[in-house]
Amino acid sequence: MIDHIGSKKCDKAIEVLNELTSRGESCTKILFMIAKHISEILAVKNRENLSFQEIREQLALHPFVLKKTIEKSRNFNIAELISALKLCQKLDLDIKKGRVDDKMGLEILLTEISKSIPV
């Protein structure tokens, strides 16, 4: 799903979301996965001046995961990533307080995050 967000394919990300929820995947778990991946992208982005090996050692990510995360980090600036994490936190709180439907909230989140990415 993050690949689709990073490629400005919000419609595809929402398709994956629908597929996951139709299989019984929890929206809370999906939100956690999105936030975790954004955090990893931010951690990589903050280490742009380091070598691949140094980043790998510091973050303890599998080389394949790190390579994909580095690629995605090129589509974001630090402010966008921080904003995306804040949106995730706000959505989590809104879901827990019953202010928003969890699936609808995730769709809005995916739209907002993918809008911030330059083409």
N, C-alpha and C. Protein backbone atom coordinates (compact mmCIF):
# COMPACT_ATOMS: atom_id res chain seq x y z
N MET A 1 0.83 -1.18 0.00
CA MET A 1 0.00 0.00 0.00
C MET A 1 0.88 1.26 0.00
N ILE A 2 1.95 1.23 0.76
CA ILE A 2 2.85 2.39 0.82
C ILE A 2 3.47 2.66 -0.54
N ASP A 3 3.77 1.60 -1.30
CA ASP A 3 4.30 1.80 -2.65
C ASP A 3 3.34 2.64 -3.49
N HIS A 4 2.06 2.37 -3.35
CA HIS A 4 1.06 3.13 -4.11
C HIS A 4 0.97 4.57 -3.63
N ILE A 5 1.06 4.77 -2.33
CA ILE A 5 1.02 6.14 -1.78
C ILE A 5 2.23 6.91 -2.30
N GLY A 6 3.41 6.29 -2.22
CA GLY A 6 4.64 6.93 -2.66
C GLY A 6 4.69 7.21 -4.15
N SER A 7 3.87 6.52 -4.90
CA SER A 7 3.82 6.72 -6.35
C SER A 7 2.64 7.58 -6.78
N LYS A 8 1.98 8.19 -5.82
CA LYS A 8 0.81 9.05 -6.07
C LYS A 8 -0.33 8.26 -6.71
N LYS A 9 -0.47 7.02 -6.31
CA LYS A 9 -1.55 6.17 -6.82
C LYS A 9 -2.53 5.92 -5.68
N CYS A 10 -3.18 6.99 -5.26
CA CYS A 10 -4.11 6.92 -4.14
C CYS A 10 -5.22 5.91 -4.41
N ASP A 11 -5.71 5.88 -5.64
CA ASP A 11 -6.79 4.95 -5.98
C ASP A 11 -6.35 3.50 -5.77
N LYS A 12 -5.12 3.19 -6.11
CA LYS A 12 -4.59 1.83 -5.91
C LYS A 12 -4.41 1.54 -4.42
N ALA A 13 -3.96 2.53 -3.67
CA ALA A 13 -3.79 2.35 -2.22
C ALA A 13 -5.14 2.06 -1.57
N ILE A 14 -6.17 2.76 -2.01
CA ILE A 14 -7.51 2.53 -1.46
C ILE A 14 -8.03 1.15 -1.87
N GLU A 15 -7.69 0.71 -3.08
CA GLU A 15 -8.06 -0.66 -3.50
C GLU A 15 -7.43 -1.69 -2.57
N VAL A 16 -6.16 -1.50 -2.25
CA VAL A 16 -5.47 -2.42 -1.35
C VAL A 16 -6.11 -2.36 0.04
N LEU A 17 -6.44 -1.15 0.49
CA LEU A 17 -7.13 -0.99 1.77
C LEU A 17 -8.43 -1.79 1.78
N ASN A 18 -9.22 -1.64 0.73
CA ASN A 18 -10.50 -2.37 0.64
C ASN A 18 -10.28 -3.88 0.65
N GLU A 19 -9.25 -4.31 -0.05
CA GLU A 19 -8.93 -5.74 -0.09
C GLU A 19 -8.54 -6.25 1.30
N LEU A 20 -7.71 -5.49 1.98
CA LEU A 20 -7.28 -5.90 3.32
C LEU A 20 -8.45 -5.95 4.30
N THR A 21 -9.29 -4.92 4.27
CA THR A 21 -10.42 -4.90 5.21
C THR A 21 -11.45 -5.98 4.87
N SER A 22 -11.61 -6.28 3.59
CA SER A 22 -12.56 -7.34 3.22
C SER A 22 -12.07 -8.71 3.67
N ARG A 23 -10.76 -8.84 3.85
CA ARG A 23 -10.19 -10.09 4.37
C ARG A 23 -10.17 -10.12 5.90
N GLY A 24 -10.73 -9.07 6.50
CA GLY A 24 -10.83 -9.04 7.96
C GLY A 24 -9.68 -8.37 8.68
N GLU A 25 -8.81 -7.71 7.93
CA GLU A 25 -7.68 -7.01 8.55
C GLU A 25 -8.20 -5.81 9.33
N SER A 26 -7.71 -5.61 10.51
CA SER A 26 -8.13 -4.51 11.37
C SER A 26 -7.62 -3.17 10.85
N CYS A 27 -8.49 -2.17 10.83
CA CYS A 27 -8.08 -0.82 10.41
C CYS A 27 -7.01 -0.27 11.34
N THR A 28 -7.08 -0.62 12.61
CA THR A 28 -6.08 -0.17 13.57
C THR A 28 -4.71 -0.75 13.21
N LYS A 29 -4.69 -2.01 12.82
CA LYS A 29 -3.42 -2.64 12.42
C LYS A 29 -2.89 -2.01 11.14
N ILE A 30 -3.78 -1.73 10.20
CA ILE A 30 -3.37 -1.09 8.94
C ILE A 30 -2.79 0.29 9.22
N LEU A 31 -3.44 1.05 10.09
CA LEU A 31 -2.95 2.38 10.46
C LEU A 31 -1.57 2.26 11.11
N PHE A 32 -1.40 1.28 11.98
CA PHE A 32 -0.10 1.07 12.62
C PHE A 32 0.97 0.78 11.57
N MET A 33 0.65 -0.08 10.59
CA MET A 33 1.62 -0.42 9.54
C MET A 33 2.00 0.81 8.72
N ILE A 34 1.02 1.65 8.40
CA ILE A 34 1.29 2.87 7.64
C ILE A 34 2.21 3.78 8.45
N ALA A 35 1.87 4.00 9.73
CA ALA A 35 2.67 4.88 10.59
C ALA A 35 4.09 4.34 10.76
N LYS A 36 4.21 3.03 10.93
CA LYS A 36 5.53 2.41 11.09
C LYS A 36 6.38 2.64 9.84
N HIS A 37 5.78 2.45 8.70
CA HIS A 37 6.54 2.63 7.45
C HIS A 37 6.93 4.10 7.25
N ILE A 38 6.03 5.01 7.57
CA ILE A 38 6.36 6.43 7.45
C ILE A 38 7.50 6.77 8.41
N SER A 39 7.47 6.20 9.62
CA SER A 39 8.56 6.42 10.58
C SER A 39 9.89 5.91 10.04
N GLU A 40 9.85 4.75 9.39
CA GLU A 40 11.08 4.21 8.79
C GLU A 40 11.59 5.11 7.67
N ILE A 41 10.68 5.62 6.85
CA ILE A 41 11.08 6.53 5.77
C ILE A 41 11.71 7.79 6.37
N LEU A 42 11.11 8.32 7.44
CA LEU A 42 11.65 9.51 8.10
C LEU A 42 13.03 9.22 8.68
N ALA A 43 13.20 8.07 9.30
CA ALA A 43 14.50 7.71 9.87
C ALA A 43 15.57 7.64 8.78
N VAL A 44 15.21 7.09 7.63
CA VAL A 44 16.14 7.02 6.50
C VAL A 44 16.42 8.42 5.96
N LYS A 45 15.37 9.20 5.82
CA LYS A 45 15.51 10.57 5.29
C LYS A 45 16.46 11.39 6.17
N ASN A 46 16.38 11.20 7.48
CA ASN A 46 17.26 11.92 8.41
C ASN A 46 18.71 11.45 8.35
N ARG A 47 18.96 10.37 7.62
CA ARG A 47 20.31 9.82 7.51
C ARG A 47 20.81 9.84 6.06
N GLU A 48 20.30 10.74 5.26
CA GLU A 48 20.67 10.80 3.84
C GLU A 48 22.17 10.94 3.60
N ASN A 49 22.86 11.55 4.54
CA ASN A 49 24.29 11.79 4.36
C ASN A 49 25.15 10.57 4.71
N LEU A 50 24.52 9.50 5.18
CA LEU A 50 25.26 8.29 5.56
C LEU A 50 25.26 7.28 4.42
N SER A 51 26.18 6.34 4.50
CA SER A 51 26.23 5.27 3.50
C SER A 51 25.11 4.26 3.77
N PHE A 52 24.85 3.45 2.76
CA PHE A 52 23.83 2.39 2.88
C PHE A 52 24.14 1.51 4.09
N GLN A 53 25.39 1.10 4.22
CA GLN A 53 25.80 0.22 5.31
C GLN A 53 25.61 0.88 6.67
N GLU A 54 25.95 2.17 6.78
CA GLU A 54 25.78 2.87 8.06
C GLU A 54 24.30 2.96 8.43
N ILE A 55 23.46 3.27 7.46
CA ILE A 55 22.02 3.34 7.72
C ILE A 55 21.52 1.96 8.15
N ARG A 56 21.95 0.94 7.44
CA ARG A 56 21.52 -0.43 7.75
C ARG A 56 21.91 -0.82 9.17
N GLU A 57 23.12 -0.47 9.57
CA GLU A 57 23.58 -0.79 10.92
C GLU A 57 22.79 -0.02 11.97
N GLN A 58 22.53 1.25 11.72
CA GLN A 58 21.81 2.07 12.69
C GLN A 58 20.35 1.68 12.83
N LEU A 59 19.70 1.34 11.72
CA LEU A 59 18.26 1.07 11.75
C LEU A 59 17.92 -0.42 11.81
N ALA A 60 18.92 -1.27 11.60
CA ALA A 60 18.72 -2.73 11.64
C ALA A 60 17.61 -3.19 10.70
N LEU A 61 17.61 -2.63 9.48
CA LEU A 61 16.63 -3.04 8.48
C LEU A 61 17.27 -4.03 7.52
N HIS A 62 16.48 -4.96 7.03
CA HIS A 62 16.94 -5.90 6.00
C HIS A 62 17.35 -5.09 4.77
N PRO A 63 18.41 -5.48 4.08
CA PRO A 63 18.88 -4.71 2.92
C PRO A 63 17.80 -4.43 1.88
N PHE A 64 16.95 -5.42 1.58
CA PHE A 64 15.88 -5.20 0.60
C PHE A 64 14.90 -4.14 1.10
N VAL A 65 14.51 -4.24 2.37
CA VAL A 65 13.58 -3.26 2.95
C VAL A 65 14.22 -1.88 2.95
N LEU A 66 15.49 -1.80 3.30
CA LEU A 66 16.19 -0.52 3.32
C LEU A 66 16.25 0.08 1.92
N LYS A 67 16.56 -0.73 0.93
CA LYS A 67 16.63 -0.23 -0.45
C LYS A 67 15.29 0.38 -0.87
N LYS A 68 14.18 -0.33 -0.61
CA LYS A 68 12.85 0.17 -0.96
C LYS A 68 12.52 1.44 -0.17
N THR A 69 12.92 1.48 1.09
CA THR A 69 12.65 2.64 1.93
C THR A 69 13.43 3.85 1.45
N ILE A 70 14.66 3.65 1.04
CA ILE A 70 15.46 4.75 0.48
C ILE A 70 14.79 5.29 -0.78
N GLU A 71 14.32 4.39 -1.64
CA GLU A 71 13.62 4.82 -2.86
C GLU A 71 12.40 5.68 -2.52
N LYS A 72 11.61 5.24 -1.55
CA LYS A 72 10.41 5.99 -1.16
C LYS A 72 10.77 7.32 -0.50
N SER A 73 11.90 7.36 0.20
CA SER A 73 12.28 8.59 0.89
C SER A 73 12.55 9.73 -0.08
N ARG A 74 12.86 9.40 -1.31
CA ARG A 74 13.11 10.42 -2.33
C ARG A 74 11.84 11.16 -2.73
N ASN A 75 10.69 10.57 -2.45
CA ASN A 75 9.41 11.18 -2.81
C ASN A 75 8.86 12.11 -1.74
N PHE A 76 9.53 12.21 -0.62
CA PHE A 76 9.05 13.00 0.50
C PHE A 76 10.13 13.96 0.98
N ASN A 77 9.69 15.07 1.56
CA ASN A 77 10.63 15.86 2.33
C ASN A 77 10.31 15.62 3.81
N ILE A 78 11.19 16.07 4.68
CA ILE A 78 11.03 15.78 6.11
C ILE A 78 9.73 16.37 6.65
N ALA A 79 9.38 17.56 6.23
CA ALA A 79 8.13 18.19 6.71
C ALA A 79 6.91 17.37 6.32
N GLU A 80 6.90 16.81 5.12
CA GLU A 80 5.77 15.98 4.68
C GLU A 80 5.66 14.71 5.51
N LEU A 81 6.80 14.13 5.84
CA LEU A 81 6.79 12.90 6.64
C LEU A 81 6.31 13.18 8.06
N ILE A 82 6.77 14.28 8.63
CA ILE A 82 6.31 14.64 9.97
C ILE A 82 4.82 14.92 9.95
N SER A 83 4.36 15.62 8.94
CA SER A 83 2.93 15.90 8.79
C SER A 83 2.13 14.61 8.66
N ALA A 84 2.64 13.66 7.87
CA ALA A 84 1.95 12.38 7.69
C ALA A 84 1.86 11.62 9.01
N LEU A 85 2.92 11.65 9.81
CA LEU A 85 2.89 10.99 11.11
C LEU A 85 1.88 11.65 12.04
N LYS A 86 1.81 12.97 12.00
CA LYS A 86 0.82 13.69 12.81
C LYS A 86 -0.60 13.33 12.38
N LEU A 87 -0.81 13.18 11.07
CA LEU A 87 -2.12 12.76 10.57
C LEU A 87 -2.46 11.36 11.08
N CYS A 88 -1.48 10.48 11.11
CA CYS A 88 -1.70 9.12 11.63
C CYS A 88 -2.07 9.17 13.11
N GLN A 89 -1.36 9.99 13.87
CA GLN A 89 -1.65 10.11 15.30
C GLN A 89 -3.05 10.67 15.53
N LYS A 90 -3.41 11.70 14.76
CA LYS A 90 -4.73 12.30 14.90
C LYS A 90 -5.82 11.30 14.55
N LEU A 91 -5.62 10.56 13.46
CA LEU A 91 -6.61 9.57 13.07
C LEU A 91 -6.75 8.50 14.14
N ASP A 92 -5.65 8.04 14.69
CA ASP A 92 -5.70 7.03 15.75
C ASP A 92 -6.55 7.52 16.92
N LEU A 93 -6.32 8.75 17.34
CA LEU A 93 -7.08 9.33 18.44
C LEU A 93 -8.55 9.50 18.06
N ASP A 94 -8.81 9.99 16.86
CA ASP A 94 -10.20 10.19 16.41
C ASP A 94 -10.96 8.86 16.33
N ILE A 95 -10.29 7.81 15.90
CA ILE A 95 -10.93 6.49 15.84
C ILE A 95 -11.25 6.01 17.26
N LYS A 96 -10.28 6.13 18.15
CA LYS A 96 -10.46 5.67 19.53
C LYS A 96 -11.56 6.43 20.26
N LYS A 97 -11.72 7.71 19.92
CA LYS A 97 -12.76 8.52 20.57
C LYS A 97 -14.10 8.44 19.84
N GLY A 98 -14.14 7.67 18.75
CA GLY A 98 -15.38 7.49 18.01
C GLY A 98 -15.79 8.68 17.17
N ARG A 99 -14.85 9.55 16.85
CA ARG A 99 -15.15 10.75 16.06
C ARG A 99 -15.20 10.48 14.57
N VAL A 100 -14.61 9.36 14.15
CA VAL A 100 -14.54 9.06 12.72
C VAL A 100 -14.61 7.55 12.52
N ASP A 101 -15.24 7.15 11.43
CA ASP A 101 -15.27 5.75 11.04
C ASP A 101 -13.84 5.35 10.65
N ASP A 102 -13.39 4.22 11.15
CA ASP A 102 -11.99 3.85 10.93
C ASP A 102 -11.63 3.68 9.46
N LYS A 103 -12.46 3.02 8.69
CA LYS A 103 -12.13 2.80 7.27
C LYS A 103 -12.18 4.11 6.49
N MET A 104 -13.20 4.92 6.74
CA MET A 104 -13.30 6.22 6.06
C MET A 104 -12.10 7.09 6.43
N GLY A 105 -11.72 7.05 7.69
CA GLY A 105 -10.55 7.81 8.14
C GLY A 105 -9.28 7.38 7.43
N LEU A 106 -9.11 6.08 7.23
CA LEU A 106 -7.94 5.59 6.51
C LEU A 106 -7.95 6.04 5.06
N GLU A 107 -9.11 6.03 4.43
CA GLU A 107 -9.20 6.50 3.04
C GLU A 107 -8.80 7.97 2.95
N ILE A 108 -9.27 8.77 3.89
CA ILE A 108 -8.91 10.20 3.91
C ILE A 108 -7.42 10.35 4.15
N LEU A 109 -6.88 9.58 5.09
CA LEU A 109 -5.44 9.62 5.38
C LEU A 109 -4.62 9.29 4.14
N LEU A 110 -4.98 8.24 3.44
CA LEU A 110 -4.25 7.85 2.22
C LEU A 110 -4.30 8.96 1.18
N THR A 111 -5.44 9.59 1.05
CA THR A 111 -5.59 10.69 0.10
C THR A 111 -4.70 11.86 0.49
N GLU A 112 -4.72 12.23 1.77
CA GLU A 112 -3.92 13.37 2.24
C GLU A 112 -2.42 13.11 2.08
N ILE A 113 -1.98 11.92 2.44
CA ILE A 113 -0.55 11.61 2.33
C ILE A 113 -0.12 11.60 0.87
N SER A 114 -0.90 11.00 0.00
CA SER A 114 -0.49 10.91 -1.41
C SER A 114 -0.54 12.26 -2.11
N LYS A 115 -1.38 13.18 -1.63
CA LYS A 115 -1.44 14.52 -2.22
C LYS A 115 -0.17 15.31 -1.98
N SER A 116 0.53 15.01 -0.90
CA SER A 116 1.71 15.80 -0.54
C SER A 116 2.95 15.43 -1.34
N ILE A 117 2.85 14.39 -2.14
CA ILE A 117 4.03 13.90 -2.84
C ILE A 117 4.19 14.56 -4.20
N PRO A 118 5.35 15.15 -4.46
CA PRO A 118 5.56 15.76 -5.77
C PRO A 118 5.64 14.71 -6.87
N VAL A 119 5.23 15.09 -8.07
CA VAL A 119 5.27 14.16 -9.21
C VAL A 119 6.67 14.12 -9.77
